[in-house]
């Protein structure tokens, strides 16, 4: 059973350079690159950290999952993922449901039937 991909509606993009607040065993704040975006959090590949936190960073395999509210963008990526646009939503609402013809299309069909007779 395949799940539909979730559209990114947050301010973060994969590849952004961000800072994260200390938590758990971390003694200091750290920074790194966004690897994955979840609904309310992001996974950061830790690149810069205080030497006192070396053991913790190694224990966490150089990654940390941080709440979006606890992360701050330091540098945006040059290649952000596409965002959903408002135009796409408007186009979907304007389309007629399947099986319903516009008045002009209905008239064309009647004309073709009369010409065949």
N, C-alpha and C. Protein backbone atom coordinates (compact mmCIF):
# COMPACT_ATOMS: atom_id res chain seq x y z
N UNK A 1 0.84 -1.16 0.00
CA UNK A 1 0.00 0.00 0.00
C UNK A 1 0.89 1.24 0.00
N UNK A 2 0.96 1.93 -1.13
CA UNK A 2 1.82 3.11 -1.26
C UNK A 2 1.12 4.34 -0.70
N UNK A 3 1.88 5.15 0.00
CA UNK A 3 1.33 6.38 0.54
C UNK A 3 1.63 7.53 -0.41
N UNK A 4 0.71 8.48 -0.47
CA UNK A 4 0.90 9.65 -1.32
C UNK A 4 1.93 10.56 -0.67
N UNK A 5 2.89 11.08 -1.43
CA UNK A 5 3.91 11.95 -0.83
C UNK A 5 3.28 13.22 -0.25
N UNK A 6 3.80 13.65 0.89
CA UNK A 6 3.29 14.84 1.55
C UNK A 6 4.01 16.06 0.96
N UNK A 7 3.23 17.09 0.61
CA UNK A 7 3.82 18.30 0.05
C UNK A 7 4.44 19.12 1.17
N UNK A 8 5.59 19.69 0.89
CA UNK A 8 6.29 20.51 1.86
C UNK A 8 5.64 21.89 1.91
N UNK A 9 5.02 22.22 3.03
CA UNK A 9 4.41 23.53 3.21
C UNK A 9 5.14 24.34 4.26
N UNK A 10 6.27 23.84 4.75
CA UNK A 10 7.03 24.55 5.77
C UNK A 10 8.00 25.54 5.14
N UNK A 11 8.64 26.33 5.97
CA UNK A 11 9.63 27.29 5.47
C UNK A 11 10.96 26.61 5.16
N UNK A 12 11.14 25.37 5.59
CA UNK A 12 12.40 24.65 5.41
C UNK A 12 12.42 23.89 4.09
N UNK A 13 13.62 23.75 3.52
CA UNK A 13 13.83 22.93 2.32
C UNK A 13 15.00 22.00 2.59
N UNK A 14 15.01 20.85 1.91
CA UNK A 14 16.15 19.95 2.01
C UNK A 14 17.36 20.68 1.44
N UNK A 15 18.43 20.69 2.21
CA UNK A 15 19.64 21.38 1.80
C UNK A 15 19.85 22.71 2.52
N UNK A 16 18.85 23.21 3.24
CA UNK A 16 19.02 24.44 4.01
C UNK A 16 20.04 24.21 5.11
N UNK A 17 20.84 25.24 5.40
CA UNK A 17 21.79 25.19 6.52
C UNK A 17 21.08 25.83 7.71
N UNK A 18 20.89 25.06 8.78
CA UNK A 18 20.09 25.49 9.93
C UNK A 18 20.85 25.31 11.24
N UNK A 19 20.37 26.00 12.26
CA UNK A 19 20.89 25.78 13.60
C UNK A 19 19.81 25.11 14.44
N UNK A 20 20.23 24.25 15.36
CA UNK A 20 19.30 23.56 16.23
C UNK A 20 19.65 23.83 17.69
N UNK A 21 18.62 23.88 18.53
CA UNK A 21 18.84 24.12 19.95
C UNK A 21 19.30 22.83 20.62
N UNK A 22 20.07 23.01 21.70
CA UNK A 22 20.54 21.85 22.46
C UNK A 22 19.34 21.11 23.06
N UNK A 23 19.46 19.81 23.15
CA UNK A 23 18.44 18.96 23.77
C UNK A 23 19.12 17.69 24.25
N UNK A 24 18.43 16.92 25.05
CA UNK A 24 18.92 15.64 25.58
C UNK A 24 20.35 15.77 26.10
N UNK A 25 21.29 15.04 25.51
CA UNK A 25 22.67 15.03 25.98
C UNK A 25 23.53 16.15 25.41
N UNK A 26 23.00 16.95 24.50
CA UNK A 26 23.77 18.05 23.93
C UNK A 26 23.96 19.13 24.99
N UNK A 27 25.18 19.63 25.11
CA UNK A 27 25.50 20.71 26.03
C UNK A 27 25.39 22.08 25.34
N UNK A 28 25.48 22.09 23.99
CA UNK A 28 25.50 23.33 23.23
C UNK A 28 24.62 23.20 22.00
N UNK A 29 24.27 24.35 21.41
CA UNK A 29 23.54 24.35 20.15
C UNK A 29 24.46 23.84 19.04
N UNK A 30 23.88 23.43 17.94
CA UNK A 30 24.64 22.87 16.82
C UNK A 30 24.03 23.36 15.52
N UNK A 31 24.67 23.07 14.42
CA UNK A 31 24.13 23.45 13.12
C UNK A 31 24.44 22.36 12.10
N UNK A 32 23.70 22.39 11.02
CA UNK A 32 23.90 21.39 9.97
C UNK A 32 22.93 21.59 8.82
N UNK A 33 22.81 20.56 8.01
CA UNK A 33 22.03 20.63 6.77
C UNK A 33 20.77 19.77 6.92
N UNK A 34 19.64 20.32 6.46
CA UNK A 34 18.37 19.60 6.52
C UNK A 34 18.43 18.42 5.55
N UNK A 35 18.22 17.21 6.08
CA UNK A 35 18.21 15.98 5.26
C UNK A 35 16.81 15.52 4.93
N UNK A 36 15.87 15.70 5.87
CA UNK A 36 14.52 15.20 5.67
C UNK A 36 13.55 16.11 6.40
N UNK A 37 12.36 16.27 5.83
CA UNK A 37 11.35 17.13 6.41
C UNK A 37 10.15 16.27 6.80
N UNK A 38 9.78 16.36 8.05
CA UNK A 38 8.60 15.66 8.56
C UNK A 38 7.48 16.67 8.73
N UNK A 39 6.37 16.26 9.32
CA UNK A 39 5.22 17.14 9.46
C UNK A 39 5.52 18.35 10.35
N UNK A 40 6.14 18.13 11.51
CA UNK A 40 6.43 19.22 12.44
C UNK A 40 7.89 19.25 12.87
N UNK A 41 8.74 18.48 12.22
CA UNK A 41 10.16 18.44 12.59
C UNK A 41 11.02 18.21 11.35
N UNK A 42 12.34 18.36 11.55
CA UNK A 42 13.28 18.14 10.46
C UNK A 42 14.45 17.30 10.95
N UNK A 43 15.04 16.53 10.05
CA UNK A 43 16.25 15.79 10.38
C UNK A 43 17.44 16.60 9.88
N UNK A 44 18.37 16.84 10.80
CA UNK A 44 19.55 17.63 10.49
C UNK A 44 20.78 16.74 10.49
N UNK A 45 21.58 16.84 9.44
CA UNK A 45 22.89 16.20 9.40
C UNK A 45 23.85 17.19 10.06
N UNK A 46 24.32 16.86 11.26
CA UNK A 46 25.10 17.79 12.06
C UNK A 46 26.49 17.96 11.47
N UNK A 47 26.85 19.22 11.17
CA UNK A 47 28.16 19.52 10.60
C UNK A 47 29.03 20.35 11.54
N UNK A 48 28.42 21.26 12.29
CA UNK A 48 29.16 22.12 13.21
C UNK A 48 28.61 21.96 14.62
N UNK A 49 29.51 21.67 15.56
CA UNK A 49 29.08 21.46 16.94
C UNK A 49 30.25 21.76 17.86
N UNK A 50 29.97 21.94 19.13
CA UNK A 50 31.00 22.21 20.13
C UNK A 50 31.78 20.92 20.40
N UNK A 51 33.08 20.99 20.56
CA UNK A 51 33.89 19.79 20.82
C UNK A 51 33.42 18.99 22.06
N UNK A 52 32.78 19.65 23.02
CA UNK A 52 32.26 18.95 24.19
C UNK A 52 31.15 17.97 23.81
N UNK A 53 30.49 18.21 22.70
CA UNK A 53 29.37 17.36 22.26
C UNK A 53 29.79 16.26 21.29
N UNK A 54 31.07 16.04 21.10
CA UNK A 54 31.56 15.06 20.14
C UNK A 54 30.99 13.66 20.42
N UNK A 55 30.99 13.24 21.66
CA UNK A 55 30.48 11.91 22.01
C UNK A 55 28.99 11.79 21.68
N UNK A 56 28.22 12.83 21.97
CA UNK A 56 26.79 12.81 21.69
C UNK A 56 26.53 12.78 20.19
N UNK A 57 27.24 13.59 19.42
CA UNK A 57 27.08 13.61 17.97
C UNK A 57 27.41 12.24 17.38
N UNK A 58 28.47 11.62 17.85
CA UNK A 58 28.83 10.27 17.37
C UNK A 58 27.77 9.25 17.76
N UNK A 59 27.25 9.37 18.96
CA UNK A 59 26.21 8.45 19.42
C UNK A 59 24.95 8.57 18.55
N UNK A 60 24.63 9.78 18.12
CA UNK A 60 23.45 10.03 17.28
C UNK A 60 23.74 9.88 15.78
N UNK A 61 24.94 9.35 15.45
CA UNK A 61 25.32 9.14 14.04
C UNK A 61 25.28 10.42 13.22
N UNK A 62 25.74 11.50 13.80
CA UNK A 62 25.82 12.82 13.15
C UNK A 62 24.47 13.33 12.65
N UNK A 63 23.39 12.90 13.27
CA UNK A 63 22.05 13.35 12.87
C UNK A 63 21.22 13.66 14.11
N UNK A 64 20.27 14.57 13.92
CA UNK A 64 19.33 14.89 15.00
C UNK A 64 18.00 15.28 14.38
N UNK A 65 16.91 14.85 15.02
CA UNK A 65 15.57 15.26 14.60
C UNK A 65 15.14 16.36 15.57
N UNK A 66 14.82 17.52 14.99
CA UNK A 66 14.55 18.72 15.78
C UNK A 66 13.18 19.28 15.38
N UNK A 67 12.45 19.80 16.37
CA UNK A 67 11.19 20.49 16.07
C UNK A 67 11.47 21.69 15.18
N UNK A 68 10.58 21.95 14.23
CA UNK A 68 10.75 23.11 13.36
C UNK A 68 10.81 24.40 14.16
N UNK A 69 10.05 24.45 15.24
CA UNK A 69 10.03 25.67 16.06
C UNK A 69 11.35 25.88 16.80
N UNK A 70 12.15 24.83 16.95
CA UNK A 70 13.45 24.93 17.62
C UNK A 70 14.61 25.08 16.65
N UNK A 71 14.33 25.17 15.37
CA UNK A 71 15.38 25.31 14.36
C UNK A 71 15.28 26.68 13.70
N UNK A 72 16.41 27.19 13.26
CA UNK A 72 16.45 28.49 12.60
C UNK A 72 17.28 28.37 11.33
N UNK A 73 16.76 28.90 10.24
CA UNK A 73 17.47 28.86 8.97
C UNK A 73 18.61 29.87 9.00
N UNK A 74 19.83 29.39 8.73
CA UNK A 74 20.99 30.27 8.64
C UNK A 74 21.29 30.64 7.20
N UNK A 75 21.08 29.67 6.28
CA UNK A 75 21.32 29.91 4.85
C UNK A 75 20.39 29.02 4.05
N UNK A 76 19.60 29.63 3.17
CA UNK A 76 18.69 28.87 2.32
C UNK A 76 19.47 28.16 1.22
N UNK A 77 18.94 27.03 0.79
CA UNK A 77 19.55 26.29 -0.31
C UNK A 77 19.32 27.03 -1.63
N UNK A 78 20.23 26.83 -2.57
CA UNK A 78 20.09 27.44 -3.89
C UNK A 78 19.11 26.68 -4.78
N UNK A 79 18.75 25.45 -4.38
CA UNK A 79 17.91 24.60 -5.20
C UNK A 79 16.74 24.07 -4.37
N UNK A 80 15.75 24.92 -4.04
CA UNK A 80 14.63 24.45 -3.21
C UNK A 80 13.68 23.54 -3.98
N UNK A 81 12.97 22.72 -3.25
CA UNK A 81 11.98 21.83 -3.85
C UNK A 81 10.78 22.66 -4.30
N UNK A 82 10.05 22.22 -5.34
CA UNK A 82 8.88 22.97 -5.78
C UNK A 82 7.80 23.00 -4.70
N UNK A 83 7.12 24.11 -4.59
CA UNK A 83 6.05 24.29 -3.61
C UNK A 83 4.70 24.21 -4.31
N UNK A 84 3.66 23.80 -3.58
CA UNK A 84 2.33 23.82 -4.19
C UNK A 84 1.91 25.28 -4.41
N UNK A 85 1.31 25.56 -5.57
CA UNK A 85 0.89 26.93 -5.85
C UNK A 85 -0.62 27.05 -5.72
N UNK A 86 -1.10 28.25 -5.48
CA UNK A 86 -2.53 28.49 -5.34
C UNK A 86 -3.24 28.30 -6.67
N UNK A 87 -2.56 28.52 -7.80
CA UNK A 87 -3.16 28.39 -9.11
C UNK A 87 -3.63 26.97 -9.38
N UNK A 88 -2.87 25.96 -8.92
CA UNK A 88 -3.23 24.57 -9.15
C UNK A 88 -4.55 24.24 -8.45
N UNK A 89 -4.76 24.78 -7.24
CA UNK A 89 -5.99 24.51 -6.52
C UNK A 89 -7.19 25.12 -7.24
N UNK A 90 -7.02 26.33 -7.79
CA UNK A 90 -8.11 27.00 -8.49
C UNK A 90 -8.50 26.24 -9.75
N UNK A 91 -7.53 25.71 -10.50
CA UNK A 91 -7.82 24.98 -11.73
C UNK A 91 -8.63 23.73 -11.44
N UNK A 92 -8.31 23.03 -10.36
CA UNK A 92 -9.02 21.79 -10.04
C UNK A 92 -10.47 22.08 -9.70
N UNK A 93 -10.76 23.20 -9.04
CA UNK A 93 -12.12 23.52 -8.64
C UNK A 93 -12.96 23.93 -9.84
N UNK A 94 -12.36 24.52 -10.88
CA UNK A 94 -13.09 25.01 -12.03
C UNK A 94 -13.49 23.91 -12.99
N UNK A 95 -12.83 22.78 -12.98
CA UNK A 95 -13.13 21.70 -13.90
C UNK A 95 -14.50 21.09 -13.57
N UNK A 96 -15.25 20.79 -14.62
CA UNK A 96 -16.57 20.17 -14.43
C UNK A 96 -16.39 18.70 -14.10
N UNK A 97 -17.27 18.15 -13.28
CA UNK A 97 -17.18 16.72 -12.97
C UNK A 97 -17.39 15.88 -14.22
N UNK A 98 -16.85 14.69 -14.24
CA UNK A 98 -16.95 13.80 -15.40
C UNK A 98 -18.41 13.48 -15.69
N UNK A 99 -18.78 13.48 -16.97
CA UNK A 99 -20.14 13.11 -17.37
C UNK A 99 -21.05 14.30 -17.54
N UNK A 100 -20.64 15.48 -17.14
CA UNK A 100 -21.47 16.67 -17.29
C UNK A 100 -20.93 17.47 -18.46
N UNK A 101 -21.80 17.75 -19.43
CA UNK A 101 -21.40 18.48 -20.62
C UNK A 101 -21.76 19.95 -20.47
N UNK A 102 -20.96 20.81 -21.07
CA UNK A 102 -21.31 22.23 -21.15
C UNK A 102 -22.46 22.38 -22.13
N UNK A 103 -23.18 23.49 -22.07
CA UNK A 103 -24.32 23.70 -22.96
C UNK A 103 -23.89 23.68 -24.42
N UNK A 104 -22.73 24.27 -24.74
CA UNK A 104 -22.25 24.31 -26.11
C UNK A 104 -21.97 22.90 -26.64
N UNK A 105 -21.38 22.04 -25.82
CA UNK A 105 -21.07 20.68 -26.24
C UNK A 105 -22.35 19.91 -26.51
N UNK A 106 -23.40 20.14 -25.71
CA UNK A 106 -24.67 19.45 -25.86
C UNK A 106 -25.32 19.85 -27.19
N UNK A 107 -25.27 21.11 -27.58
CA UNK A 107 -25.84 21.58 -28.84
C UNK A 107 -25.12 20.96 -30.03
N UNK A 108 -23.79 20.81 -29.95
CA UNK A 108 -23.02 20.24 -31.04
C UNK A 108 -23.44 18.80 -31.30
N UNK A 109 -23.71 18.05 -30.26
CA UNK A 109 -24.10 16.65 -30.44
C UNK A 109 -25.45 16.55 -31.14
N UNK A 110 -26.40 17.44 -30.79
CA UNK A 110 -27.72 17.41 -31.42
C UNK A 110 -27.59 17.75 -32.91
N UNK A 111 -26.75 18.67 -33.26
CA UNK A 111 -26.57 19.07 -34.64
C UNK A 111 -26.00 17.92 -35.46
N UNK A 112 -25.03 17.21 -34.92
CA UNK A 112 -24.45 16.07 -35.62
C UNK A 112 -25.47 14.97 -35.86
N UNK A 113 -26.35 14.72 -34.91
CA UNK A 113 -27.38 13.70 -35.03
C UNK A 113 -28.37 14.08 -36.13
N UNK A 114 -28.77 15.35 -36.21
CA UNK A 114 -29.71 15.79 -37.21
C UNK A 114 -29.10 15.70 -38.61
N UNK A 115 -27.81 15.99 -38.75
CA UNK A 115 -27.16 15.95 -40.05
C UNK A 115 -27.05 14.53 -40.56
N UNK A 116 -26.92 13.55 -39.67
CA UNK A 116 -26.79 12.16 -40.08
C UNK A 116 -28.08 11.64 -40.66
N UNK A 117 -29.24 12.17 -40.21
CA UNK A 117 -30.54 11.68 -40.67
C UNK A 117 -30.84 12.24 -41.98
